[in-house]
Protein backbone atom coordinates (compact mmCIF):
# COMPACT_ATOMS: atom_id res chain seq x y z
CA MET A 1 80.67 140.25 73.86
CA ILE A 2 81.07 136.66 76.03
CA TYR A 3 79.05 134.10 74.60
CA SER A 4 79.21 131.09 76.33
CA ILE A 5 81.46 130.27 79.94
CA THR A 6 82.59 126.86 81.04
CA LEU A 7 81.33 126.07 84.55
CA SER A 8 82.75 123.00 86.94
CA PRO A 9 79.71 120.61 88.21
CA ILE A 10 78.72 120.71 91.70
CA SER A 11 77.54 117.85 93.92
CA ILE A 12 74.45 119.88 95.31
CA PRO A 13 71.02 119.08 93.14
CA ILE A 14 70.07 122.42 92.43
CA VAL A 15 67.12 124.00 90.31
CA CYS A 16 67.55 127.97 89.26
CA LEU A 17 64.55 130.10 88.38
CA ILE A 18 65.27 132.80 86.08
CA ILE A 19 63.08 135.87 86.68
CA PRO A 20 63.70 138.36 83.97
CA GLY A 21 62.97 141.92 84.40
CA LEU A 22 60.73 144.19 82.11
CA ALA A 23 60.65 143.23 78.66
CA TYR A 24 62.74 145.34 76.14
CA GLY A 25 65.98 145.06 73.60
CA SER A 26 68.27 142.79 74.04
CA HIS A 27 66.37 140.76 76.82
CA MET A 28 66.10 137.28 75.27
CA GLN A 29 69.64 137.22 74.30
CA ARG A 30 70.23 137.42 77.92
CA ILE A 31 67.73 135.19 79.27
CA GLU A 32 69.24 132.70 76.33
CA PHE A 33 72.42 133.11 77.87
CA TRP A 34 71.78 132.56 81.28
CA GLU A 35 69.79 129.46 80.47
CA ARG A 36 72.56 127.81 78.56
CA ASN A 37 75.08 128.35 80.72
CA LEU A 38 73.31 127.71 84.41
CA SER A 39 72.38 124.38 82.47
CA GLN A 40 75.80 123.00 82.82
CA LEU A 41 75.42 123.21 86.79
CA ALA A 42 71.57 123.06 87.60
CA THR A 43 68.12 122.16 86.10
CA VAL A 44 66.80 125.86 84.39
CA LEU A 45 63.66 126.95 84.15
CA VAL A 46 62.31 130.49 83.17
CA CYS A 47 59.51 132.87 84.08
CA SER A 48 58.28 135.30 81.35
CA PRO A 49 60.06 138.78 81.05
CA VAL A 50 57.65 140.99 82.84
CA GLU A 51 54.77 142.97 80.50
CA LYS A 52 54.93 146.89 81.51
CA ASP A 53 51.03 146.74 83.31
CA GLU A 54 51.57 142.69 84.13
CA VAL A 55 53.60 142.84 87.55
CA GLN A 56 50.59 140.43 89.47
CA THR A 57 50.53 138.37 86.56
CA ALA A 58 54.73 138.17 86.77
CA TYR A 59 54.40 137.51 90.42
CA ASP A 60 52.10 135.05 89.79
CA ASP A 61 53.90 132.95 87.63
CA ILE A 62 56.94 133.00 89.81
CA LEU A 63 54.94 131.43 92.66
CA SER A 64 53.03 128.92 90.18
CA LYS A 65 56.97 128.44 88.66
CA PHE A 66 58.19 127.63 92.48
CA GLN A 67 55.25 125.08 93.09
CA GLN A 68 55.95 123.17 90.02
CA ILE A 69 59.73 123.20 90.88
CA ARG A 70 58.61 121.82 94.74
CA GLN A 71 56.63 118.68 92.83
CA LEU A 72 59.04 117.61 90.61
CA TYR A 73 62.41 118.72 92.27
CA ARG A 74 61.79 117.77 96.15
CA ASN A 75 64.77 117.38 97.26
CA HIS A 76 66.95 120.36 95.23
CA HIS A 77 67.74 123.55 96.44
CA VAL A 78 66.09 126.29 94.77
CA MET A 79 67.73 129.54 93.69
CA PHE A 80 66.05 132.57 91.98
CA LEU A 81 68.56 134.70 89.53
CA ALA A 82 66.66 137.85 88.28
CA TRP A 83 67.19 141.41 87.32
CA ASN A 84 65.90 144.86 87.08
CA VAL A 85 62.15 144.16 88.14
CA GLY A 86 62.63 140.91 88.25
CA CYS A 87 64.49 141.38 91.29
CA ILE A 88 61.80 143.12 93.08
CA LEU A 89 59.40 140.01 92.34
CA ALA A 90 62.33 137.69 93.22
CA LEU A 91 62.93 139.22 96.27
CA LYS A 92 59.13 139.49 97.49
CA ALA A 93 58.32 135.49 96.39
CA ALA A 94 61.31 134.97 98.38
CA LEU A 95 59.63 135.50 101.12
CA VAL A 96 56.73 133.00 101.01
CA CYS A 97 58.95 130.26 98.72
CA PRO A 98 61.13 128.36 100.92
CA ILE A 99 64.43 129.08 98.69
CA SER A 100 68.32 128.77 99.07
CA SER A 101 69.49 132.21 97.15
CA VAL A 102 68.08 135.01 95.36
CA ILE A 103 70.89 136.62 93.22
CA CYS A 104 70.27 140.13 91.79
CA MET A 105 72.24 140.53 88.30
CA SER A 106 71.32 144.39 88.73
CA LEU A 107 69.19 147.07 90.47
CA PRO A 108 65.55 147.26 89.87
CA PHE A 109 65.27 150.79 88.70
CA ASN A 110 67.99 149.87 85.89
CA SER A 111 64.89 148.46 83.57
CA LEU A 112 62.82 151.79 85.17
CA SER A 113 65.48 154.26 83.37
CA GLU A 114 65.68 152.09 80.52
CA GLU A 115 61.99 152.14 79.83
CA THR A 116 61.94 156.24 80.23
CA LYS A 117 64.63 156.61 77.71
CA VAL A 118 62.76 154.46 74.95
CA ASN A 119 59.41 156.64 75.97
CA LYS A 120 61.25 160.18 75.78
CA LYS A 121 62.78 158.96 72.28
CA SER A 122 59.56 157.93 70.58
CA LYS A 123 57.82 160.96 71.88
CA GLN A 124 60.55 163.21 69.75
């Protein structure tokens, strides 16, 4: 397992908003990995992981964090980094938030299939 990576600094000021998917398993380790390593290149903020029935709350959190970023870092490029269900929310937010890029680390249905596996195991 890769614990950290070394990245070269870039000249463009960037704020990265990490948008995780559904909360499960080793989710916090993934969040910490990206926060630790991207902080070498950019200012990093993290949204809360998406709770099962709180998708709208998670979307509102993204919009709120984006407004905070715009107030604090007016001249920075804003990037959304997301995975699983967070990708859907990041892409939806990108429709109304003027950002530089969205990076989707995995397909949205991956977390849904993981949740289905967990639910099947718990029913057995």
